[in-house]
Amino acid sequence: MDQEIKCAVIGTGYVGLVTGACLADLGYHVICLDRDEGKLESLRNGKVEIFEAELEPMIVRNMKNGSLSFSADIKSAVSDSFYIFITVDTPSDETGRADITNVEEAARRIAPGVNSYKIIVNKSTVPVGSTNRVMRIIEESEPEYPEFDVVSNPEFLREGTAVFDFMNPTRIVIGSDSEKAIMHMTELYRPINAPLLITDPISAEMIKYASNAFLATKISYINAIANLCEYIGADVREVSLGMGYDGRIGFEFLKPGPGFGGSCFPKDTRALLAIATDYGYNFDLLKGTLEVNRRQRERMVEKLERMLGKLEEVKIAALGLSFKANTSDVRESPAIEIVRMLRDRKANVSAYDPKAMDNARKQLEGIEFADNPYLAARDADALVILTEWDEFKWLDYPRIAELMKRPIILDTRNLLDPQVLRKEGFTYEGVGR
């Protein structure tokens, strides 16, 4: 592929920054675009607001070699680029449907820069039919437009391993009815060794929703099994291990906990349910997935209340605030929701997270933020592990027992060894154990 090929990436969130940095690392010239000049200036100085393994050094490295830059001038960047990636957010609206306002606005801002053949690549998660919607917006915004194609190219990035996932994907999905666009997209991704699935735009859009909703369903299923295990006296770890060895099931997403969260699974499951509703299909399975997830968070609070006798005026040390380990993202985090529930029941909460403290402060009021786990645990009536950070495995738990008022642990991630903790004098409870 011509090393002078230029790409414009609209949006500098998780998907945009990872996409831009990785394309630059493949040898292409990339310009990432955003309206926020303060954010752009931070990025130009090599400061990345989100925590994502390998991302910051990759951005700095590619800025230094001239492959990656940042700008607010979309028209100029689009005019000078061949591939234009849309990576803006598509949050849920009040009905659960995906709000594609940001995608539509990006399309309108792209239109004036379409001065020659371009490929507009939609990586944002969008409802079926959005590829055609973007095409119509550009056509309507610029009556005399040159030839261009719009391609659906959904991302399957996991926060915490997003850079690795981009460079080592399980598959690359390209949704287009244009042979010309398919040829160019195939060339773009040639340096990456992965199965390439060529399909129509609507199927490509559906693949993303179907994948995320399936994984969300798998999590809710194992949480329901964990709850049943508690009633009958089984150990969900052994159950999930026995299930996972079946190649038809696999081990991934069979870890029980406080429910799924983050920027994708809740939003995409709600959006797929809304799509089904719009087309007259009663998708009861997805309704159950979402209900089990909602109820799982309540169960964690009820566990604590049962262990303590009451929650009012007791002190809870909460370890972990991000929706999962190895990210600073607190969007729809089960940990955040559980802390809110504890506060609603008038518990006093002291919280700590290795990377998500700043983001959590924007969402939580009325709690104490501790500088380390030991300060959080001081004089606590119970300690609850809400995120599976590795560092929580290796804490000095005898010291924590001495610091706490009552040595009680609720491990919502099954991160710790119950036998070891009970020998140290803790009252321990996990999920499904």
Protein backbone atom coordinates (compact mmCIF):
# COMPACT_ATOMS: atom_id res chain seq x y z
CA MET A 1 0.00 0.00 0.00
CA ASP A 2 1.19 3.51 -0.78
CA GLN A 3 2.80 4.79 2.42
CA GLU A 4 1.58 8.31 1.61
CA ILE A 5 -2.04 7.31 2.03
CA LYS A 6 -3.70 9.77 4.43
CA CYS A 7 -6.44 9.09 6.95
CA ALA A 8 -8.63 11.50 8.90
CA VAL A 9 -10.21 10.26 12.16
CA ILE A 10 -13.14 12.26 13.51
CA GLY A 11 -13.40 11.88 17.28
CA THR A 12 -10.67 11.45 19.91
CA GLY A 13 -12.36 9.13 22.39
CA TYR A 14 -11.32 5.51 22.97
CA VAL A 15 -12.10 4.34 19.46
CA GLY A 16 -10.78 7.43 17.69
CA LEU A 17 -7.46 7.62 19.51
CA VAL A 18 -6.79 3.89 19.24
CA THR A 19 -7.77 3.84 15.56
CA GLY A 20 -5.66 6.90 14.74
CA ALA A 21 -2.60 5.78 16.69
CA CYS A 22 -2.68 2.24 15.31
CA LEU A 23 -3.15 3.37 11.69
CA ALA A 24 -0.19 5.70 12.15
CA ASP A 25 1.82 2.83 13.62
CA LEU A 26 1.05 0.84 10.46
CA GLY A 27 2.81 3.57 8.48
CA TYR A 28 -0.10 5.74 7.29
CA HIS A 29 -0.36 9.48 7.75
CA VAL A 30 -3.18 10.18 10.20
CA ILE A 31 -4.83 13.34 11.48
CA CYS A 32 -7.20 13.01 14.44
CA LEU A 33 -9.93 15.62 14.71
CA ASP A 34 -11.88 17.09 17.60
CA ARG A 35 -13.69 20.32 18.43
CA ASP A 36 -12.19 20.58 21.91
CA GLU A 37 -9.04 22.70 21.53
CA GLY A 38 -8.00 22.04 25.12
CA LYS A 39 -8.12 18.30 24.54
CA LEU A 40 -6.22 18.68 21.27
CA GLU A 41 -3.50 20.71 22.95
CA SER A 42 -3.09 18.06 25.66
CA LEU A 43 -2.77 15.38 22.99
CA ARG A 44 -0.20 17.43 21.09
CA ASN A 45 1.79 17.54 24.34
CA GLY A 46 1.61 13.74 24.58
CA LYS A 47 -0.93 13.69 27.41
CA VAL A 48 -3.75 11.18 26.98
CA GLU A 49 -6.71 11.65 29.32
CA ILE A 50 -7.85 8.03 29.12
CA PHE A 51 -5.88 5.13 30.58
CA GLU A 52 -5.28 2.51 27.92
CA ALA A 53 -2.29 0.16 27.84
CA GLU A 54 0.32 1.07 25.19
CA LEU A 55 -1.72 3.97 23.80
CA GLU A 56 0.15 6.99 25.13
CA PRO A 57 3.65 5.86 24.06
CA MET A 58 2.26 4.91 20.64
CA ILE A 59 0.77 8.39 20.22
CA VAL A 60 3.99 10.09 21.31
CA ARG A 61 6.11 7.88 19.04
CA ASN A 62 4.01 8.56 15.96
CA MET A 63 3.79 12.29 16.60
CA LYS A 64 7.58 12.41 16.76
CA ASN A 65 7.99 10.59 13.44
CA GLY A 66 5.36 12.79 11.78
CA SER A 67 2.77 10.08 11.14
CA LEU A 68 0.18 11.39 13.61
CA SER A 69 -1.19 14.89 14.22
CA PHE A 70 -4.21 16.55 15.81
CA SER A 71 -6.46 19.29 14.49
CA ALA A 72 -9.89 20.92 14.70
CA ASP A 73 -10.01 21.75 10.97
CA ILE A 74 -12.21 18.96 9.58
CA LYS A 75 -12.70 20.45 6.11
CA SER A 76 -8.97 20.72 5.46
CA ALA A 77 -8.24 17.26 6.89
CA VAL A 78 -11.01 15.64 4.83
CA SER A 79 -9.85 17.40 1.66
CA ASP A 80 -6.32 16.11 2.21
CA SER A 81 -7.27 12.53 3.17
CA PHE A 82 -8.45 9.46 1.28
CA TYR A 83 -9.98 7.55 4.21
CA ILE A 84 -12.21 9.43 6.67
CA PHE A 85 -13.11 7.51 9.82
CA ILE A 86 -16.15 8.45 11.92
CA THR A 87 -15.50 7.39 15.51
CA VAL A 88 -17.85 9.64 17.50
CA ASP A 89 -19.98 8.54 20.44
CA THR A 90 -23.52 7.19 19.97
CA PRO A 91 -25.02 7.28 23.48
CA SER A 92 -28.39 5.84 24.47
CA ASP A 93 -31.34 8.19 24.38
CA GLU A 94 -34.15 8.06 26.95
CA THR A 95 -35.78 5.16 25.08
CA GLY A 96 -32.62 3.04 24.89
CA ARG A 97 -32.13 3.72 21.19
CA ALA A 98 -28.72 4.79 19.89
CA ASP A 99 -28.56 8.57 19.45
CA ILE A 100 -26.73 9.13 16.14
CA THR A 101 -26.77 12.95 16.36
CA ASN A 102 -22.97 13.02 16.57
CA VAL A 103 -22.64 10.77 13.51
CA GLU A 104 -25.02 12.95 11.52
CA GLU A 105 -23.14 16.09 12.53
CA ALA A 106 -19.84 14.47 11.53
CA ALA A 107 -21.32 13.65 8.11
CA ARG A 108 -22.41 17.27 7.62
CA ARG A 109 -18.94 18.51 8.55
CA ILE A 110 -17.29 15.99 6.22
CA ALA A 111 -19.34 17.04 3.21
CA PRO A 112 -17.59 20.37 2.39
CA GLY A 113 -14.21 18.62 2.26
CA VAL A 114 -15.22 15.93 -0.25
CA ASN A 115 -13.26 17.34 -3.20
CA SER A 116 -12.32 13.99 -4.81
CA TYR A 117 -13.10 10.30 -4.36
CA LYS A 118 -13.15 9.48 -0.64
CA ILE A 119 -14.03 6.48 1.49
CA ILE A 120 -15.98 7.43 4.61
CA VAL A 121 -15.56 4.66 7.17
CA ASN A 122 -18.14 4.46 9.93
CA LYS A 123 -16.64 2.82 13.02
CA SER A 124 -19.22 4.28 15.42
CA THR A 125 -21.81 1.78 16.65
CA VAL A 126 -24.98 2.77 14.83
CA PRO A 127 -28.48 1.38 14.14
CA VAL A 128 -29.09 -0.56 10.95
CA GLY A 129 -29.42 1.74 7.97
CA SER A 130 -27.03 4.38 9.29
CA THR A 131 -24.49 3.83 6.51
CA ASN A 132 -27.10 4.93 3.99
CA ARG A 133 -28.11 7.78 6.29
CA VAL A 134 -24.54 9.15 6.30
CA MET A 135 -24.42 8.89 2.50
CA ARG A 136 -27.68 10.83 2.13
CA ILE A 137 -26.54 13.58 4.51
CA ILE A 138 -23.35 14.14 2.51
CA GLU A 139 -25.26 14.14 -0.77
CA GLU A 140 -27.80 16.64 0.59
CA SER A 141 -25.15 18.86 2.16
CA GLU A 142 -23.08 19.16 -1.02
CA PRO A 143 -25.28 19.03 -4.16
CA GLU A 144 -22.27 18.87 -6.49
CA TYR A 145 -20.16 16.26 -4.76
CA PRO A 146 -17.51 14.06 -6.35
CA GLU A 147 -17.84 10.29 -6.11
CA PHE A 148 -17.49 8.81 -2.61
CA ASP A 149 -18.41 5.64 -0.72
CA VAL A 150 -19.56 5.06 2.84
CA VAL A 151 -18.43 1.81 4.48
CA SER A 152 -19.51 0.17 7.73
CA ASN A 153 -16.42 -1.05 9.59
CA PRO A 154 -17.43 -1.81 13.20
CA GLU A 155 -14.82 -1.92 15.94
CA PHE A 156 -14.43 -4.78 18.41
CA LEU A 157 -12.03 -3.16 20.86
CA ARG A 158 -11.95 -4.12 24.53
CA GLU A 159 -11.02 -1.34 26.88
CA GLY A 160 -7.73 -2.17 28.56
CA THR A 161 -6.51 -4.17 25.54
CA ALA A 162 -7.74 -1.91 22.74
CA VAL A 163 -4.36 -1.38 21.06
CA PHE A 164 -3.67 -5.12 21.03
CA ASP A 165 -7.18 -5.79 19.73
CA PHE A 166 -6.77 -3.36 16.83
CA MET A 167 -3.47 -4.89 15.77
CA ASN A 168 -4.56 -8.50 16.42
CA PRO A 169 -8.29 -8.64 15.67
CA THR A 170 -10.30 -11.85 15.60
CA ARG A 171 -11.92 -10.54 12.40
CA ILE A 172 -12.27 -7.39 10.31
CA VAL A 173 -15.80 -6.66 9.10
CA ILE A 174 -16.31 -4.49 6.01
CA GLY A 175 -19.86 -3.64 5.02
CA SER A 176 -20.19 -2.13 1.56
CA ASP A 177 -21.99 -2.61 -1.76
CA SER A 178 -19.13 -0.91 -3.65
CA GLU A 179 -16.44 -3.14 -5.14
CA LYS A 180 -14.14 -0.12 -5.37
CA ALA A 181 -14.51 0.66 -1.66
CA ILE A 182 -14.05 -3.00 -0.71
CA MET A 183 -10.83 -3.16 -2.73
CA HIS A 184 -9.40 -0.08 -1.01
CA MET A 185 -10.47 -1.22 2.48
CA THR A 186 -8.85 -4.59 1.86
CA GLU A 187 -5.61 -2.84 0.93
CA LEU A 188 -5.80 -0.60 4.01
CA TYR A 189 -5.97 -3.58 6.34
CA ARG A 190 -3.48 -5.74 4.42
CA PRO A 191 -0.73 -5.26 7.07
CA ILE A 192 -3.00 -6.85 9.68
CA ASN A 193 -3.26 -10.63 9.65
CA ALA A 194 -6.92 -11.39 10.37
CA PRO A 195 -9.97 -12.95 8.71
CA LEU A 196 -11.72 -10.42 6.48
CA LEU A 197 -15.51 -10.59 6.31
CA ILE A 198 -17.03 -8.72 3.38
CA THR A 199 -20.77 -8.16 3.70
CA ASP A 200 -23.51 -5.61 3.10
CA PRO A 201 -23.70 -2.49 5.31
CA ILE A 202 -26.81 -3.52 7.25
CA SER A 203 -25.35 -6.93 8.13
CA ALA A 204 -22.10 -5.28 9.22
CA GLU A 205 -24.02 -2.91 11.51
CA MET A 206 -25.99 -5.84 12.91
CA ILE A 207 -22.85 -7.91 13.57
CA LYS A 208 -21.63 -5.34 16.12
CA TYR A 209 -24.90 -5.21 18.04
CA ALA A 210 -25.42 -8.97 17.89
CA SER A 211 -21.88 -9.64 19.17
CA ASN A 212 -22.06 -7.29 22.14
CA ALA A 213 -25.57 -8.32 23.12
CA PHE A 214 -24.55 -11.99 23.00
CA LEU A 215 -21.58 -11.37 25.31
CA ALA A 216 -23.79 -9.35 27.65
CA THR A 217 -26.26 -12.24 27.69
CA LYS A 218 -23.44 -14.65 28.52
CA ILE A 219 -22.47 -12.50 31.51
CA SER A 220 -26.05 -12.28 32.76
CA TYR A 221 -26.40 -16.05 32.31
CA ILE A 222 -23.38 -16.88 34.46
CA ASN A 223 -24.52 -14.36 37.08
CA ALA A 224 -27.91 -16.09 37.21
CA ILE A 225 -26.12 -19.45 37.54
CA ALA A 226 -23.96 -17.98 40.34
CA ASN A 227 -27.05 -16.86 42.20
CA LEU A 228 -28.54 -20.34 41.88
CA CYS A 229 -25.25 -21.84 43.10
CA GLU A 230 -25.60 -19.85 46.32
CA TYR A 231 -29.03 -21.40 46.94
CA ILE A 232 -27.99 -24.98 46.29
CA GLY A 233 -24.44 -24.89 47.70
CA ALA A 234 -22.46 -25.26 44.48
CA ASP A 235 -19.28 -23.32 43.63
CA VAL A 236 -19.76 -21.26 40.49
CA ARG A 237 -16.01 -21.29 39.80
CA GLU A 238 -16.13 -25.05 39.37
CA VAL A 239 -19.35 -24.81 37.36
CA SER A 240 -17.95 -22.20 34.97
CA LEU A 241 -14.74 -24.21 34.62
CA GLY A 242 -16.71 -27.30 33.68
CA MET A 243 -18.73 -25.26 31.18
CA GLY A 244 -15.73 -23.49 29.69
CA TYR A 245 -13.93 -26.68 28.68
CA ASP A 246 -16.78 -27.25 26.24
CA GLY A 247 -15.47 -25.74 23.01
CA ARG A 248 -18.97 -24.67 22.06
CA ILE A 249 -19.09 -22.43 25.15
CA GLY A 250 -15.53 -21.34 25.96
CA PHE A 251 -14.13 -19.67 29.08
CA GLU A 252 -14.52 -16.02 28.09
CA PHE A 253 -17.23 -13.98 29.84
CA LEU A 254 -18.07 -16.77 32.29
CA LYS A 255 -16.89 -14.88 35.38
CA PRO A 256 -19.71 -13.90 37.72
CA GLY A 257 -19.72 -10.52 39.37
CA PRO A 258 -21.79 -7.38 39.92
CA GLY A 259 -22.96 -7.23 36.30
CA PHE A 260 -21.67 -5.80 33.04
CA GLY A 261 -21.05 -2.12 32.41
CA GLY A 262 -18.90 0.17 30.29
CA SER A 263 -19.55 2.11 27.14
CA CYS A 264 -20.68 -0.80 24.93
CA PHE A 265 -22.55 -3.75 26.44
CA PRO A 266 -25.39 -1.88 28.21
CA LYS A 267 -25.83 0.65 25.41
CA ASP A 268 -25.66 -1.85 22.56
CA THR A 269 -27.97 -4.36 24.25
CA ARG A 270 -30.56 -1.64 24.84
CA ALA A 271 -30.16 -0.45 21.25
CA LEU A 272 -30.63 -3.94 19.79
CA LEU A 273 -33.73 -4.39 21.93
CA ALA A 274 -35.04 -1.06 20.61
CA ILE A 275 -34.34 -2.14 17.02
CA ALA A 276 -36.29 -5.35 17.63
CA THR A 277 -39.17 -3.38 19.14
CA ASP A 278 -39.23 -0.98 16.18
CA TYR A 279 -39.56 -3.92 13.81
CA GLY A 280 -42.27 -5.59 15.89
CA TYR A 281 -40.18 -8.42 17.38
CA ASN A 282 -40.61 -9.18 21.10
CA PHE A 283 -37.01 -9.93 22.15
CA ASP A 284 -37.71 -11.34 25.61
CA LEU A 285 -34.22 -12.85 25.90
CA LEU A 286 -32.59 -9.41 25.79
CA LYS A 287 -35.11 -8.05 28.27
CA GLY A 288 -34.05 -10.82 30.63
CA THR A 289 -30.36 -10.03 30.05
CA LEU A 290 -30.87 -6.40 31.07
CA GLU A 291 -33.09 -7.28 34.04
CA VAL A 292 -30.60 -9.81 35.45
CA ASN A 293 -27.87 -7.20 35.08
CA ARG A 294 -29.90 -4.55 36.91
CA ARG A 295 -30.87 -6.96 39.67
CA GLN A 296 -27.30 -8.21 40.14
CA ARG A 297 -26.18 -4.83 41.44
CA GLU A 298 -29.01 -4.78 43.94
CA ARG A 299 -28.03 -8.27 45.11
CA MET A 300 -24.53 -7.05 45.99
CA VAL A 301 -25.97 -4.32 48.21
CA GLU A 302 -28.37 -6.80 49.81
CA LYS A 303 -25.44 -9.13 50.53
CA LEU A 304 -23.65 -6.35 52.39
CA GLU A 305 -26.77 -5.45 54.33
CA ARG A 306 -27.21 -9.07 55.38
CA MET A 307 -23.56 -9.39 56.42
CA LEU A 308 -23.62 -6.16 58.44
CA GLY A 309 -27.14 -6.23 59.82
CA LYS A 310 -27.75 -2.70 58.56
CA LEU A 311 -26.18 -0.16 56.22
CA GLU A 312 -27.20 3.12 57.81
CA GLU A 313 -24.22 4.95 59.31
CA VAL A 314 -21.80 2.03 58.79
CA LYS A 315 -18.54 2.64 56.93
CA ILE A 316 -17.91 0.71 53.71
CA ALA A 317 -14.49 0.63 52.03
CA ALA A 318 -15.06 0.30 48.27
CA LEU A 319 -12.09 -0.92 46.23
CA GLY A 320 -12.50 -0.32 42.50
CA LEU A 321 -14.63 2.23 40.66
CA SER A 322 -13.93 1.61 36.97
CA PHE A 323 -16.31 -0.74 35.18
CA LYS A 324 -13.50 -3.27 34.83
CA ALA A 325 -9.76 -3.47 35.51
CA ASN A 326 -7.09 -1.84 33.35
CA THR A 327 -9.19 1.13 32.34
CA SER A 328 -10.14 4.49 33.82
CA ASP A 329 -13.63 4.33 32.30
CA VAL A 330 -16.53 4.61 34.74
CA ARG A 331 -19.35 4.77 32.19
CA GLU A 332 -22.22 2.59 33.44
CA SER A 333 -19.83 1.06 35.96
CA PRO A 334 -21.45 -1.44 38.32
CA ALA A 335 -19.10 -0.13 41.01
CA ILE A 336 -20.38 3.42 40.65
CA GLU A 337 -24.00 2.24 40.77
CA ILE A 338 -23.39 0.09 43.86
CA VAL A 339 -21.69 2.98 45.67
CA ARG A 340 -24.70 5.16 44.86
CA MET A 341 -27.05 2.50 46.26
CA LEU A 342 -24.97 2.34 49.45
CA ARG A 343 -25.17 6.11 49.83
CA ASP A 344 -28.94 5.99 49.23
CA ARG A 345 -29.11 3.60 52.19
CA LYS A 346 -27.11 6.13 54.23
CA ALA A 347 -23.88 4.15 54.41
CA ASN A 348 -20.60 6.06 54.65
CA VAL A 349 -18.32 5.10 51.76
CA SER A 350 -14.57 5.50 51.41
CA ALA A 351 -13.45 4.54 47.90
CA TYR A 352 -10.21 3.89 46.06
CA ASP A 353 -9.34 3.01 42.45
CA PRO A 354 -5.86 2.91 40.85
CA LYS A 355 -6.84 4.83 37.70
CA ALA A 356 -10.48 5.97 37.80
CA MET A 357 -10.53 8.40 40.75
CA ASP A 358 -10.74 11.58 38.68
CA ASN A 359 -13.57 10.23 36.52
CA ALA A 360 -15.40 8.86 39.55
CA ARG A 361 -15.29 12.22 41.33
CA LYS A 362 -17.38 13.65 38.48
CA GLN A 363 -20.10 11.07 39.08
CA LEU A 364 -20.15 10.51 42.83
CA GLU A 365 -21.01 12.91 45.63
CA GLY A 366 -21.02 12.48 49.37
CA ILE A 367 -18.26 9.89 49.61
CA GLU A 368 -14.64 9.98 50.70
CA PHE A 369 -11.93 9.30 48.12
CA ALA A 370 -8.92 7.63 49.75
CA ASP A 371 -5.35 7.88 48.48
CA ASN A 372 -4.74 4.16 48.90
CA PRO A 373 -6.61 0.96 49.87
CA TYR A 374 -5.36 1.04 53.45
CA LEU A 375 -6.73 4.52 54.12
CA ALA A 376 -10.03 3.42 52.61
CA ALA A 377 -10.15 0.42 54.96
CA ARG A 378 -9.35 2.36 58.15
CA ASP A 379 -12.23 1.94 60.66
CA ALA A 380 -14.43 0.31 58.00
CA ASP A 381 -17.20 -2.07 58.98
CA ALA A 382 -16.83 -3.91 55.67
CA LEU A 383 -14.64 -3.91 52.59
CA VAL A 384 -16.18 -4.56 49.18
CA ILE A 385 -14.13 -5.33 46.07
CA LEU A 386 -15.96 -3.93 43.06
CA THR A 387 -13.33 -4.03 40.30
CA GLU A 388 -10.90 -6.87 39.58
CA TRP A 389 -7.64 -4.88 39.71
CA ASP A 390 -4.68 -7.26 40.12
CA GLU A 391 -3.15 -5.11 42.84
CA PHE A 392 -6.08 -5.89 45.12
CA LYS A 393 -4.98 -9.55 45.14
CA TRP A 394 -1.68 -8.67 46.75
CA LEU A 395 -2.72 -6.26 49.48
CA ASP A 396 -1.52 -6.85 53.05
CA TYR A 397 -4.79 -8.28 54.33
CA PRO A 398 -3.56 -8.94 57.91
CA ARG A 399 -2.79 -5.21 58.05
CA ILE A 400 -6.23 -4.42 56.61
CA ALA A 401 -7.88 -6.64 59.25
CA GLU A 402 -6.14 -4.60 61.95
CA LEU A 403 -7.24 -1.33 60.36
CA MET A 404 -10.89 -2.30 60.00
CA LYS A 405 -13.51 -1.99 62.71
CA ARG A 406 -15.00 -5.33 61.58
CA PRO A 407 -13.04 -7.71 59.30
CA ILE A 408 -15.79 -8.32 56.74
CA ILE A 409 -15.13 -8.67 52.99
CA LEU A 410 -17.60 -8.88 50.12
CA ASP A 411 -15.67 -9.90 47.02
CA THR A 412 -18.01 -9.19 44.10
CA ARG A 413 -15.33 -10.30 41.62
CA ASN A 414 -14.25 -13.56 43.33
CA LEU A 415 -10.73 -12.14 43.22
CA LEU A 416 -9.47 -13.43 46.56
CA ASP A 417 -8.90 -16.82 48.21
CA PRO A 418 -11.66 -17.37 50.80
CA GLN A 419 -9.68 -19.93 52.81
CA VAL A 420 -6.68 -17.64 53.22
CA LEU A 421 -8.83 -14.70 54.27
CA ARG A 422 -10.86 -16.75 56.74
CA LYS A 423 -7.62 -17.93 58.36
CA GLU A 424 -6.78 -14.24 58.82
CA GLY A 425 -10.04 -13.78 60.69
CA PHE A 426 -12.18 -12.29 57.94
CA THR A 427 -15.82 -12.99 57.33
CA TYR A 428 -15.73 -13.51 53.57
CA GLU A 429 -18.43 -13.78 50.94
CA GLY A 430 -18.07 -13.93 47.15
CA VAL A 431 -20.53 -14.45 44.32
CA GLY A 432 -21.86 -17.96 43.73
CA ARG A 433 -19.38 -19.55 46.10
